[in-house]
């Protein structure tokens, strides 16, 4: 059966997006300019408000926007919209995989270790 996909998606020397990435909206540019300290002050102001104050928060547009995210997160129980702010304040938790003694293991030992790790992960997911 012939492969329906071309071998290479892009041709060498051909620019497929000559204008580059579209510019960020001005509001987003202003948020990106905030220092870690300024963002921490903003977070403290919003997060130390009472829940009923968050829906009618008085402050800058950015403060109102953050208050709205927090308010809707409390209502729905979903704080995924806050992750970029938290990552910016606290630093993103690194995804770390430690590999040890792999170089000295035989292929059979590596395969057995991988199978055991897979079984352990499946057991953890069942719990």
N, C-alpha and C. Protein backbone atom coordinates (compact mmCIF):
# COMPACT_ATOMS: atom_id res chain seq x y z
N UNK A 1 0.84 -1.18 0.00
CA UNK A 1 0.00 0.00 0.00
C UNK A 1 0.89 1.25 0.00
N UNK A 2 0.58 2.19 -0.83
CA UNK A 2 1.37 3.41 -0.94
C UNK A 2 1.09 4.32 0.25
N UNK A 3 2.12 5.05 0.67
CA UNK A 3 1.97 5.98 1.77
C UNK A 3 1.28 7.25 1.25
N UNK A 4 0.08 7.58 1.76
CA UNK A 4 -0.63 8.76 1.25
C UNK A 4 -0.01 10.08 1.71
N UNK A 5 0.79 10.05 2.75
CA UNK A 5 1.40 11.28 3.25
C UNK A 5 2.69 11.57 2.51
N UNK A 6 2.94 12.82 2.21
CA UNK A 6 4.25 13.14 1.62
C UNK A 6 5.36 12.92 2.64
N UNK A 7 6.54 12.65 2.15
CA UNK A 7 7.66 12.35 3.02
C UNK A 7 8.02 13.56 3.89
N UNK A 8 8.01 14.75 3.30
CA UNK A 8 8.32 15.98 4.04
C UNK A 8 7.16 16.94 3.87
N UNK A 9 6.69 17.47 4.99
CA UNK A 9 5.55 18.38 4.96
C UNK A 9 5.94 19.74 4.38
N UNK A 10 7.12 20.22 4.73
CA UNK A 10 7.55 21.54 4.27
C UNK A 10 8.71 21.40 3.28
N UNK A 11 8.71 22.27 2.30
CA UNK A 11 9.79 22.26 1.33
C UNK A 11 10.89 23.21 1.78
N UNK A 12 12.11 22.80 1.58
CA UNK A 12 13.27 23.58 2.00
C UNK A 12 13.29 24.93 1.28
N UNK A 13 13.48 25.99 2.06
CA UNK A 13 13.59 27.33 1.51
C UNK A 13 12.27 28.03 1.26
N UNK A 14 11.14 27.37 1.48
CA UNK A 14 9.83 27.99 1.25
C UNK A 14 9.27 28.45 2.59
N UNK A 15 8.95 29.74 2.68
CA UNK A 15 8.39 30.31 3.89
C UNK A 15 6.88 30.20 3.81
N UNK A 16 6.28 29.49 4.75
CA UNK A 16 4.83 29.30 4.72
C UNK A 16 4.07 30.35 5.50
N UNK A 17 4.76 31.12 6.35
CA UNK A 17 4.12 32.17 7.13
C UNK A 17 5.00 33.41 7.07
N UNK A 18 4.97 34.15 5.96
CA UNK A 18 5.91 35.26 5.79
C UNK A 18 5.73 36.40 6.80
N UNK A 19 4.53 36.59 7.33
CA UNK A 19 4.29 37.68 8.28
C UNK A 19 4.62 37.29 9.71
N UNK A 20 4.91 36.02 9.95
CA UNK A 20 5.22 35.57 11.30
C UNK A 20 3.99 35.44 12.16
N UNK A 21 4.22 35.27 13.41
CA UNK A 21 3.14 35.12 14.38
C UNK A 21 2.38 36.44 14.50
N UNK A 22 1.04 36.38 14.61
CA UNK A 22 0.30 37.64 14.76
C UNK A 22 0.66 38.32 16.07
N UNK A 23 0.64 39.64 16.10
CA UNK A 23 1.03 40.35 17.33
C UNK A 23 0.02 40.11 18.45
N UNK A 24 0.52 40.16 19.69
CA UNK A 24 -0.35 40.03 20.85
C UNK A 24 -1.22 41.27 20.98
N UNK A 25 -2.44 41.12 21.51
CA UNK A 25 -3.27 42.30 21.77
C UNK A 25 -2.59 43.20 22.80
N UNK A 26 -2.86 44.50 22.78
CA UNK A 26 -2.19 45.42 23.71
C UNK A 26 -2.38 45.05 25.18
N UNK A 27 -3.56 44.51 25.53
CA UNK A 27 -3.82 44.15 26.92
C UNK A 27 -2.86 43.05 27.37
N UNK A 28 -2.65 42.07 26.51
CA UNK A 28 -1.77 40.96 26.84
C UNK A 28 -0.32 41.44 26.94
N UNK A 29 0.06 42.40 26.11
CA UNK A 29 1.41 42.95 26.20
C UNK A 29 1.63 43.60 27.56
N UNK A 30 0.60 44.30 28.07
CA UNK A 30 0.72 44.96 29.37
C UNK A 30 0.84 43.93 30.49
N UNK A 31 0.09 42.84 30.39
CA UNK A 31 0.16 41.80 31.41
C UNK A 31 1.55 41.16 31.41
N UNK A 32 2.11 40.94 30.23
CA UNK A 32 3.43 40.33 30.13
C UNK A 32 4.52 41.23 30.71
N UNK A 33 4.26 42.55 30.75
CA UNK A 33 5.25 43.49 31.28
C UNK A 33 5.29 43.49 32.80
N UNK A 34 4.23 42.95 33.45
CA UNK A 34 4.19 42.95 34.91
C UNK A 34 5.36 42.16 35.47
N UNK A 35 5.98 42.72 36.48
CA UNK A 35 7.05 41.99 37.15
C UNK A 35 6.43 40.98 38.11
N UNK A 36 7.24 40.10 38.60
CA UNK A 36 6.76 39.09 39.55
C UNK A 36 6.18 39.77 40.79
N UNK A 37 6.83 40.82 41.26
CA UNK A 37 6.35 41.55 42.44
C UNK A 37 5.01 42.23 42.20
N UNK A 38 4.88 42.88 41.05
CA UNK A 38 3.61 43.55 40.71
C UNK A 38 2.48 42.53 40.60
N UNK A 39 2.78 41.39 40.01
CA UNK A 39 1.78 40.34 39.87
C UNK A 39 1.40 39.78 41.24
N UNK A 40 2.37 39.65 42.14
CA UNK A 40 2.09 39.16 43.49
C UNK A 40 1.19 40.13 44.24
N UNK A 41 1.43 41.44 44.11
CA UNK A 41 0.59 42.45 44.75
C UNK A 41 -0.83 42.37 44.21
N UNK A 42 -0.95 42.24 42.91
CA UNK A 42 -2.26 42.12 42.26
C UNK A 42 -3.00 40.88 42.77
N UNK A 43 -2.30 39.75 42.82
CA UNK A 43 -2.89 38.51 43.31
C UNK A 43 -3.35 38.66 44.75
N UNK A 44 -2.50 39.24 45.60
CA UNK A 44 -2.86 39.42 47.01
C UNK A 44 -4.11 40.26 47.16
N UNK A 45 -4.21 41.32 46.40
CA UNK A 45 -5.38 42.20 46.48
C UNK A 45 -6.65 41.44 46.12
N UNK A 46 -6.59 40.66 45.06
CA UNK A 46 -7.78 39.92 44.61
C UNK A 46 -8.07 38.74 45.54
N UNK A 47 -7.04 37.97 45.88
CA UNK A 47 -7.27 36.76 46.66
C UNK A 47 -7.63 37.02 48.11
N UNK A 48 -7.36 38.22 48.62
CA UNK A 48 -7.75 38.55 49.99
C UNK A 48 -9.10 39.26 50.05
N UNK A 49 -9.79 39.28 48.94
CA UNK A 49 -11.14 39.84 48.91
C UNK A 49 -12.13 38.77 49.35
N UNK A 50 -13.29 39.21 49.80
CA UNK A 50 -14.35 38.27 50.16
C UNK A 50 -14.99 37.76 48.88
N UNK A 51 -15.44 36.50 48.87
CA UNK A 51 -16.02 35.92 47.64
C UNK A 51 -17.14 36.75 47.03
N UNK A 52 -17.99 37.35 47.87
CA UNK A 52 -19.09 38.15 47.32
C UNK A 52 -18.60 39.46 46.70
N UNK A 53 -17.40 39.92 47.08
CA UNK A 53 -16.82 41.13 46.49
C UNK A 53 -16.22 40.88 45.11
N UNK A 54 -15.86 39.62 44.83
CA UNK A 54 -15.18 39.32 43.58
C UNK A 54 -16.05 39.57 42.36
N UNK A 55 -17.36 39.32 42.50
CA UNK A 55 -18.25 39.49 41.36
C UNK A 55 -18.40 40.96 40.98
N UNK A 56 -18.29 41.87 41.95
CA UNK A 56 -18.39 43.32 41.69
C UNK A 56 -17.13 44.01 42.18
N UNK A 57 -16.00 43.53 41.70
CA UNK A 57 -14.70 44.01 42.17
C UNK A 57 -14.44 45.41 41.64
N UNK A 58 -14.00 46.32 42.52
CA UNK A 58 -13.62 47.67 42.11
C UNK A 58 -12.11 47.73 41.99
N UNK A 59 -11.64 48.16 40.85
CA UNK A 59 -10.20 48.26 40.63
C UNK A 59 -9.92 48.47 39.16
N UNK A 60 -8.67 48.24 38.78
CA UNK A 60 -8.30 48.39 37.38
C UNK A 60 -8.94 47.26 36.56
N UNK A 61 -8.89 47.40 35.27
CA UNK A 61 -9.44 46.37 34.39
C UNK A 61 -8.73 45.04 34.63
N UNK A 62 -7.42 45.08 34.80
CA UNK A 62 -6.66 43.86 35.06
C UNK A 62 -7.09 43.22 36.37
N UNK A 63 -7.30 44.03 37.40
CA UNK A 63 -7.75 43.50 38.69
C UNK A 63 -9.14 42.89 38.55
N UNK A 64 -10.02 43.56 37.82
CA UNK A 64 -11.38 43.03 37.60
C UNK A 64 -11.32 41.72 36.82
N UNK A 65 -10.43 41.66 35.84
CA UNK A 65 -10.30 40.46 35.02
C UNK A 65 -9.82 39.29 35.87
N UNK A 66 -8.81 39.52 36.69
CA UNK A 66 -8.30 38.48 37.57
C UNK A 66 -9.36 38.08 38.60
N UNK A 67 -10.07 39.06 39.13
CA UNK A 67 -11.14 38.76 40.09
C UNK A 67 -12.22 37.91 39.43
N UNK A 68 -12.52 38.19 38.18
CA UNK A 68 -13.52 37.40 37.45
C UNK A 68 -13.05 35.96 37.28
N UNK A 69 -11.78 35.77 36.96
CA UNK A 69 -11.23 34.41 36.81
C UNK A 69 -11.33 33.66 38.14
N UNK A 70 -10.96 34.32 39.23
CA UNK A 70 -11.01 33.70 40.55
C UNK A 70 -12.45 33.40 40.93
N UNK A 71 -13.36 34.36 40.70
CA UNK A 71 -14.78 34.18 41.04
C UNK A 71 -15.37 32.98 40.30
N UNK A 72 -15.13 32.91 38.99
CA UNK A 72 -15.67 31.78 38.21
C UNK A 72 -14.99 30.46 38.57
N UNK A 73 -13.74 30.52 38.97
CA UNK A 73 -13.05 29.33 39.43
C UNK A 73 -13.66 28.80 40.72
N UNK A 74 -14.02 29.71 41.63
CA UNK A 74 -14.66 29.31 42.88
C UNK A 74 -16.03 28.70 42.60
N UNK A 75 -16.79 29.37 41.71
CA UNK A 75 -18.14 28.87 41.39
C UNK A 75 -18.10 27.49 40.75
N UNK A 76 -17.19 27.30 39.80
CA UNK A 76 -17.16 26.04 39.03
C UNK A 76 -16.21 24.99 39.62
N UNK A 77 -15.32 25.43 40.51
CA UNK A 77 -14.32 24.51 41.05
C UNK A 77 -13.18 24.24 40.09
N UNK A 78 -13.07 25.03 39.03
CA UNK A 78 -12.03 24.85 38.01
C UNK A 78 -11.09 26.05 38.03
N UNK A 79 -9.86 25.81 38.48
CA UNK A 79 -8.89 26.90 38.57
C UNK A 79 -7.83 26.82 37.49
N UNK A 80 -8.13 26.12 36.40
CA UNK A 80 -7.14 25.94 35.34
C UNK A 80 -6.74 27.27 34.69
N UNK A 81 -7.63 28.25 34.71
CA UNK A 81 -7.28 29.55 34.12
C UNK A 81 -6.24 30.30 34.94
N UNK A 82 -6.07 29.90 36.19
CA UNK A 82 -5.09 30.56 37.05
C UNK A 82 -3.69 29.99 36.90
N UNK A 83 -3.57 28.84 36.27
CA UNK A 83 -2.27 28.18 36.15
C UNK A 83 -1.19 29.08 35.54
N UNK A 84 -1.47 29.82 34.46
CA UNK A 84 -0.40 30.68 33.92
C UNK A 84 0.09 31.72 34.93
N UNK A 85 -0.83 32.27 35.74
CA UNK A 85 -0.43 33.25 36.74
C UNK A 85 0.39 32.59 37.85
N UNK A 86 -0.07 31.43 38.29
CA UNK A 86 0.64 30.72 39.35
C UNK A 86 2.02 30.28 38.87
N UNK A 87 2.09 29.81 37.64
CA UNK A 87 3.40 29.43 37.07
C UNK A 87 4.32 30.63 37.03
N UNK A 88 3.77 31.80 36.73
CA UNK A 88 4.59 33.01 36.66
C UNK A 88 5.07 33.44 38.04
N UNK A 89 4.20 33.29 39.04
CA UNK A 89 4.56 33.71 40.40
C UNK A 89 5.50 32.72 41.08
N UNK A 90 5.14 31.46 41.02
CA UNK A 90 5.88 30.44 41.77
C UNK A 90 6.92 29.72 40.94
N UNK A 91 6.77 29.79 39.63
CA UNK A 91 7.64 29.04 38.75
C UNK A 91 6.98 27.72 38.41
N UNK A 92 7.09 27.33 37.16
CA UNK A 92 6.48 26.08 36.71
C UNK A 92 7.22 24.90 37.32
N UNK A 93 6.44 23.93 37.76
CA UNK A 93 7.04 22.72 38.31
C UNK A 93 7.65 21.94 37.16
N UNK A 94 8.93 21.63 37.24
CA UNK A 94 9.56 20.93 36.12
C UNK A 94 9.09 19.49 36.02
N UNK A 95 8.91 19.03 34.81
CA UNK A 95 8.62 17.63 34.55
C UNK A 95 9.96 16.92 34.56
N UNK A 96 10.15 16.06 35.54
CA UNK A 96 11.47 15.47 35.72
C UNK A 96 11.35 13.95 35.69
N UNK A 97 12.17 13.35 34.89
CA UNK A 97 12.26 11.90 34.83
C UNK A 97 13.70 11.52 35.12
N UNK A 98 13.89 10.75 36.16
CA UNK A 98 15.24 10.34 36.51
C UNK A 98 15.52 8.96 35.94
N UNK A 99 16.63 8.86 35.28
CA UNK A 99 17.05 7.59 34.71
C UNK A 99 18.39 7.25 35.34
N UNK A 100 18.47 6.04 35.89
CA UNK A 100 19.72 5.64 36.51
C UNK A 100 20.07 4.22 36.09
N UNK A 101 21.32 3.97 35.98
CA UNK A 101 21.85 2.64 35.66
C UNK A 101 21.37 2.07 34.34
N UNK A 102 20.91 2.89 33.45
CA UNK A 102 20.39 2.41 32.18
C UNK A 102 21.52 1.94 31.27
N UNK A 103 22.62 2.65 31.30
CA UNK A 103 23.72 2.32 30.39
C UNK A 103 24.30 0.94 30.65
N UNK A 104 24.25 0.50 31.92
CA UNK A 104 24.85 -0.79 32.25
C UNK A 104 23.86 -1.95 32.13
N UNK A 105 22.59 -1.64 31.80
CA UNK A 105 21.57 -2.70 31.72
C UNK A 105 21.53 -3.29 30.31
N UNK A 106 21.22 -4.58 30.27
CA UNK A 106 21.06 -5.23 28.97
C UNK A 106 19.69 -4.87 28.40
N UNK A 107 19.50 -5.16 27.12
CA UNK A 107 18.23 -4.88 26.48
C UNK A 107 17.09 -5.62 27.17
N UNK A 108 17.33 -6.85 27.55
CA UNK A 108 16.30 -7.65 28.23
C UNK A 108 15.94 -7.05 29.58
N UNK A 109 16.95 -6.58 30.32
CA UNK A 109 16.70 -5.96 31.62
C UNK A 109 15.92 -4.66 31.46
N UNK A 110 16.28 -3.88 30.43
CA UNK A 110 15.56 -2.64 30.16
C UNK A 110 14.10 -2.91 29.84
N UNK A 111 13.84 -3.91 29.01
CA UNK A 111 12.48 -4.26 28.64
C UNK A 111 11.69 -4.71 29.87
N UNK A 112 12.31 -5.53 30.71
CA UNK A 112 11.65 -6.00 31.92
C UNK A 112 11.34 -4.82 32.86
N UNK A 113 12.29 -3.91 33.02
CA UNK A 113 12.08 -2.73 33.89
C UNK A 113 10.95 -1.86 33.35
N UNK A 114 10.89 -1.69 32.03
CA UNK A 114 9.83 -0.88 31.42
C UNK A 114 8.47 -1.53 31.63
N UNK A 115 8.40 -2.84 31.49
CA UNK A 115 7.14 -3.56 31.70
C UNK A 115 6.68 -3.43 33.16
N UNK A 116 7.62 -3.54 34.09
CA UNK A 116 7.29 -3.40 35.51
C UNK A 116 6.80 -1.99 35.82
N UNK A 117 7.45 -1.00 35.24
CA UNK A 117 7.04 0.39 35.46
C UNK A 117 5.63 0.62 34.90
N UNK A 118 5.34 0.05 33.74
CA UNK A 118 4.02 0.18 33.13
C UNK A 118 2.96 -0.48 34.01
N UNK A 119 3.25 -1.66 34.53
CA UNK A 119 2.30 -2.33 35.43
C UNK A 119 2.07 -1.51 36.69
N UNK A 120 3.15 -0.93 37.25
CA UNK A 120 3.00 -0.09 38.44
C UNK A 120 2.13 1.13 38.17
N UNK A 121 2.31 1.76 37.01
CA UNK A 121 1.48 2.93 36.66
C UNK A 121 0.03 2.53 36.50
N UNK A 122 -0.23 1.38 35.87
CA UNK A 122 -1.61 0.91 35.71
C UNK A 122 -2.26 0.66 37.07
N UNK A 123 -1.51 0.08 38.00
CA UNK A 123 -2.04 -0.18 39.33
C UNK A 123 -2.38 1.13 40.05
N UNK A 124 -1.50 2.13 39.91
CA UNK A 124 -1.76 3.43 40.55
C UNK A 124 -3.00 4.08 39.95
N UNK A 125 -3.21 3.95 38.65
CA UNK A 125 -4.38 4.56 38.01
C UNK A 125 -5.67 3.87 38.44
N UNK A 126 -5.61 2.60 38.76
CA UNK A 126 -6.81 1.87 39.20
C UNK A 126 -7.26 2.31 40.58
N UNK A 127 -6.33 2.78 41.41
CA UNK A 127 -6.65 3.17 42.80
C UNK A 127 -7.36 4.47 42.88
